[in-house]
PDB file of N, CA and C in Angstrom:
ATOM      1  N   UNK A   1      43.493  -1.462  51.778  1.00  0.00           N
ATOM      2  CA  UNK A   1      44.751  -0.826  51.428  1.00  0.00           C
ATOM      3  C   UNK A   1      44.728   0.631  51.880  1.00  0.00           C
ATOM      4  N   UNK A   2      45.883   1.149  52.238  1.00  0.00           N
ATOM      5  CA  UNK A   2      45.951   2.533  52.694  1.00  0.00           C
ATOM      6  C   UNK A   2      45.943   3.521  51.531  1.00  0.00           C
ATOM      7  N   UNK A   3      46.259   3.060  50.330  1.00  0.00           N
ATOM      8  CA  UNK A   3      46.247   3.913  49.145  1.00  0.00           C
ATOM      9  C   UNK A   3      44.958   3.682  48.375  1.00  0.00           C
ATOM     10  N   UNK A   4      44.018   4.603  48.500  1.00  0.00           N
ATOM     11  CA  UNK A   4      42.713   4.435  47.864  1.00  0.00           C
ATOM     12  C   UNK A   4      42.780   4.505  46.347  1.00  0.00           C
ATOM     13  N   UNK A   5      43.807   5.145  45.796  1.00  0.00           N
ATOM     14  CA  UNK A   5      43.929   5.292  44.361  1.00  0.00           C
ATOM     15  C   UNK A   5      44.596   4.114  43.672  1.00  0.00           C
ATOM     16  N   UNK A   6      44.929   3.083  44.441  1.00  0.00           N
ATOM     17  CA  UNK A   6      45.631   1.928  43.886  1.00  0.00           C
ATOM     18  C   UNK A   6      44.998   0.634  44.358  1.00  0.00           C
ATOM     19  N   UNK A   7      45.272  -0.430  43.607  1.00  0.00           N
ATOM     20  CA  UNK A   7      44.898  -1.774  44.043  1.00  0.00           C
ATOM     21  C   UNK A   7      46.136  -2.649  43.900  1.00  0.00           C
ATOM     22  N   UNK A   8      46.198  -3.721  44.654  1.00  0.00           N
ATOM     23  CA  UNK A   8      47.326  -4.639  44.601  1.00  0.00           C
ATOM     24  C   UNK A   8      47.037  -5.719  43.572  1.00  0.00           C
ATOM     25  N   UNK A   9      47.928  -5.855  42.602  1.00  0.00           N
ATOM     26  CA  UNK A   9      47.849  -6.916  41.592  1.00  0.00           C
ATOM     27  C   UNK A   9      49.083  -7.789  41.754  1.00  0.00           C
ATOM     28  N   UNK A  10      48.940  -9.073  41.467  1.00  0.00           N
ATOM     29  CA  UNK A  10      50.049 -10.012  41.612  1.00  0.00           C
ATOM     30  C   UNK A  10      50.346 -10.711  40.293  1.00  0.00           C
ATOM     31  N   UNK A  11      51.636 -10.966  40.061  1.00  0.00           N
ATOM     32  CA  UNK A  11      52.061 -11.808  38.946  1.00  0.00           C
ATOM     33  C   UNK A  11      53.177 -12.713  39.460  1.00  0.00           C
ATOM     34  N   UNK A  12      53.876 -13.393  38.564  1.00  0.00           N
ATOM     35  CA  UNK A  12      54.904 -14.342  38.997  1.00  0.00           C
ATOM     36  C   UNK A  12      56.101 -13.668  39.657  1.00  0.00           C
ATOM     37  N   UNK A  13      56.260 -12.361  39.481  1.00  0.00           N
ATOM     38  CA  UNK A  13      57.371 -11.638  40.082  1.00  0.00           C
ATOM     39  C   UNK A  13      57.008 -10.972  41.403  1.00  0.00           C
ATOM     40  N   UNK A  14      55.749 -10.996  41.778  1.00  0.00           N
ATOM     41  CA  UNK A  14      55.349 -10.401  43.046  1.00  0.00           C
ATOM     42  C   UNK A  14      54.171  -9.462  42.909  1.00  0.00           C
ATOM     43  N   UNK A  15      54.092  -8.523  43.838  1.00  0.00           N
ATOM     44  CA  UNK A  15      52.963  -7.593  43.908  1.00  0.00           C
ATOM     45  C   UNK A  15      53.351  -6.222  43.367  1.00  0.00           C
ATOM     46  N   UNK A  16      52.358  -5.563  42.783  1.00  0.00           N
ATOM     47  CA  UNK A  16      52.514  -4.190  42.309  1.00  0.00           C
ATOM     48  C   UNK A  16      51.270  -3.398  42.667  1.00  0.00           C
ATOM     49  N   UNK A  17      51.459  -2.099  42.881  1.00  0.00           N
ATOM     50  CA  UNK A  17      50.318  -1.209  43.087  1.00  0.00           C
ATOM     51  C   UNK A  17      49.930  -0.638  41.731  1.00  0.00           C
ATOM     52  N   UNK A  18      48.748  -1.012  41.265  1.00  0.00           N
ATOM     53  CA  UNK A  18      48.234  -0.572  39.970  1.00  0.00           C
ATOM     54  C   UNK A  18      47.204   0.524  40.230  1.00  0.00           C
ATOM     55  N   UNK A  19      47.223   1.609  39.455  1.00  0.00           N
ATOM     56  CA  UNK A  19      46.205   2.639  39.634  1.00  0.00           C
ATOM     57  C   UNK A  19      44.802   2.038  39.544  1.00  0.00           C
ATOM     58  N   UNK A  20      43.950   2.410  40.472  1.00  0.00           N
ATOM     59  CA  UNK A  20      42.609   1.819  40.566  1.00  0.00           C
ATOM     60  C   UNK A  20      41.747   2.126  39.355  1.00  0.00           C
ATOM     61  N   UNK A  21      42.026   3.208  38.650  1.00  0.00           N
ATOM     62  CA  UNK A  21      41.189   3.575  37.509  1.00  0.00           C
ATOM     63  C   UNK A  21      41.638   2.928  36.202  1.00  0.00           C
ATOM     64  N   UNK A  22      42.643   2.068  36.235  1.00  0.00           N
ATOM     65  CA  UNK A  22      43.138   1.395  35.027  1.00  0.00           C
ATOM     66  C   UNK A  22      42.593  -0.022  34.962  1.00  0.00           C
ATOM     67  N   UNK A  23      42.388  -0.514  33.743  1.00  0.00           N
ATOM     68  CA  UNK A  23      41.856  -1.857  33.543  1.00  0.00           C
ATOM     69  C   UNK A  23      42.946  -2.917  33.472  1.00  0.00           C
ATOM     70  N   UNK A  24      44.208  -2.511  33.293  1.00  0.00           N
ATOM     71  CA  UNK A  24      45.273  -3.495  33.154  1.00  0.00           C
ATOM     72  C   UNK A  24      45.750  -3.989  34.517  1.00  0.00           C
ATOM     73  N   UNK A  25      46.554  -5.053  34.479  1.00  0.00           N
ATOM     74  CA  UNK A  25      47.039  -5.675  35.704  1.00  0.00           C
ATOM     75  C   UNK A  25      48.548  -5.575  35.850  1.00  0.00           C
ATOM     76  N   UNK A  26      49.102  -6.465  36.668  1.00  0.00           N
ATOM     77  CA  UNK A  26      50.515  -6.416  37.034  1.00  0.00           C
ATOM     78  C   UNK A  26      51.438  -6.634  35.840  1.00  0.00           C
ATOM     79  N   UNK A  27      51.122  -7.590  34.981  1.00  0.00           N
ATOM     80  CA  UNK A  27      52.015  -7.870  33.854  1.00  0.00           C
ATOM     81  C   UNK A  27      52.123  -6.680  32.910  1.00  0.00           C
ATOM     82  N   UNK A  28      51.010  -6.029  32.637  1.00  0.00           N
ATOM     83  CA  UNK A  28      51.037  -4.854  31.765  1.00  0.00           C
ATOM     84  C   UNK A  28      51.775  -3.706  32.429  1.00  0.00           C
ATOM     85  N   UNK A  29      51.559  -3.498  33.723  1.00  0.00           N
ATOM     86  CA  UNK A  29      52.263  -2.428  34.424  1.00  0.00           C
ATOM     87  C   UNK A  29      53.766  -2.668  34.397  1.00  0.00           C
ATOM     88  N   UNK A  30      54.203  -3.901  34.587  1.00  0.00           N
ATOM     89  CA  UNK A  30      55.635  -4.202  34.497  1.00  0.00           C
ATOM     90  C   UNK A  30      56.179  -3.893  33.104  1.00  0.00           C
ATOM     91  N   UNK A  31      55.416  -4.217  32.078  1.00  0.00           N
ATOM     92  CA  UNK A  31      55.846  -3.920  30.710  1.00  0.00           C
ATOM     93  C   UNK A  31      55.988  -2.425  30.498  1.00  0.00           C
ATOM     94  N   UNK A  32      55.039  -1.657  30.974  1.00  0.00           N
ATOM     95  CA  UNK A  32      55.092  -0.196  30.849  1.00  0.00           C
ATOM     96  C   UNK A  32      56.317   0.351  31.590  1.00  0.00           C
ATOM     97  N   UNK A  33      56.624  -0.222  32.756  1.00  0.00           N
ATOM     98  CA  UNK A  33      57.772   0.231  33.541  1.00  0.00           C
ATOM     99  C   UNK A  33      59.098  -0.135  32.870  1.00  0.00           C
ATOM    100  N   UNK A  34      59.164  -1.296  32.220  1.00  0.00           N
ATOM    101  CA  UNK A  34      60.420  -1.793  31.669  1.00  0.00           C
ATOM    102  C   UNK A  34      60.672  -1.411  30.218  1.00  0.00           C
ATOM    103  N   UNK A  35      59.632  -1.066  29.481  1.00  0.00           N
ATOM    104  CA  UNK A  35      59.769  -0.728  28.070  1.00  0.00           C
ATOM    105  C   UNK A  35      59.113   0.617  27.802  1.00  0.00           C
ATOM    106  N   UNK A  36      59.820   1.719  28.090  1.00  0.00           N
ATOM    107  CA  UNK A  36      59.238   3.056  27.937  1.00  0.00           C
ATOM    108  C   UNK A  36      59.093   3.448  26.465  1.00  0.00           C
ATOM    109  N   UNK A  37      57.945   3.151  25.891  1.00  0.00           N
ATOM    110  CA  UNK A  37      57.675   3.455  24.489  1.00  0.00           C
ATOM    111  C   UNK A  37      56.654   4.584  24.430  1.00  0.00           C
ATOM    112  N   UNK A  38      56.951   5.644  23.696  1.00  0.00           N
ATOM    113  CA  UNK A  38      56.020   6.757  23.545  1.00  0.00           C
ATOM    114  C   UNK A  38      56.069   7.719  24.717  1.00  0.00           C
ATOM    115  N   UNK A  39      55.390   8.838  24.535  1.00  0.00           N
ATOM    116  CA  UNK A  39      55.275   9.830  25.601  1.00  0.00           C
ATOM    117  C   UNK A  39      54.150   9.439  26.542  1.00  0.00           C
ATOM    118  N   UNK A  40      53.974  10.208  27.588  1.00  0.00           N
ATOM    119  CA  UNK A  40      52.954   9.877  28.586  1.00  0.00           C
ATOM    120  C   UNK A  40      51.548   9.874  27.994  1.00  0.00           C
ATOM    121  N   UNK A  41      51.286  10.717  27.007  1.00  0.00           N
ATOM    122  CA  UNK A  41      49.951  10.763  26.416  1.00  0.00           C
ATOM    123  C   UNK A  41      49.724   9.635  25.411  1.00  0.00           C
ATOM    124  N   UNK A  42      50.783   8.934  24.997  1.00  0.00           N
ATOM    125  CA  UNK A  42      50.657   7.855  24.018  1.00  0.00           C
ATOM    126  C   UNK A  42      50.686   6.469  24.652  1.00  0.00           C
ATOM    127  N   UNK A  43      50.913   6.375  25.928  1.00  0.00           N
ATOM    128  CA  UNK A  43      51.221   5.093  26.534  1.00  0.00           C
ATOM    129  C   UNK A  43      50.005   4.218  26.768  1.00  0.00           C
ATOM    130  N   UNK A  44      49.334   4.379  27.852  1.00  0.00           N
ATOM    131  CA  UNK A  44      48.210   3.506  28.190  1.00  0.00           C
ATOM    132  C   UNK A  44      46.998   4.365  28.534  1.00  0.00           C
ATOM    133  N   UNK A  45      45.840   3.900  28.147  1.00  0.00           N
ATOM    134  CA  UNK A  45      44.629   4.664  28.497  1.00  0.00           C
ATOM    135  C   UNK A  45      44.327   4.599  29.972  1.00  0.00           C
TER     136      UNK A  45
END
């Protein structure tokens, strides 16, 4: 991949670029994108 800080994760809706330093995958990233709960410091580790 040309973006060293990301990895490609896939779910039933397609591909997403997930930050390489995060343990979650595509489904969690979609949830974070679609349901903005909390501030940036409260969201995901």
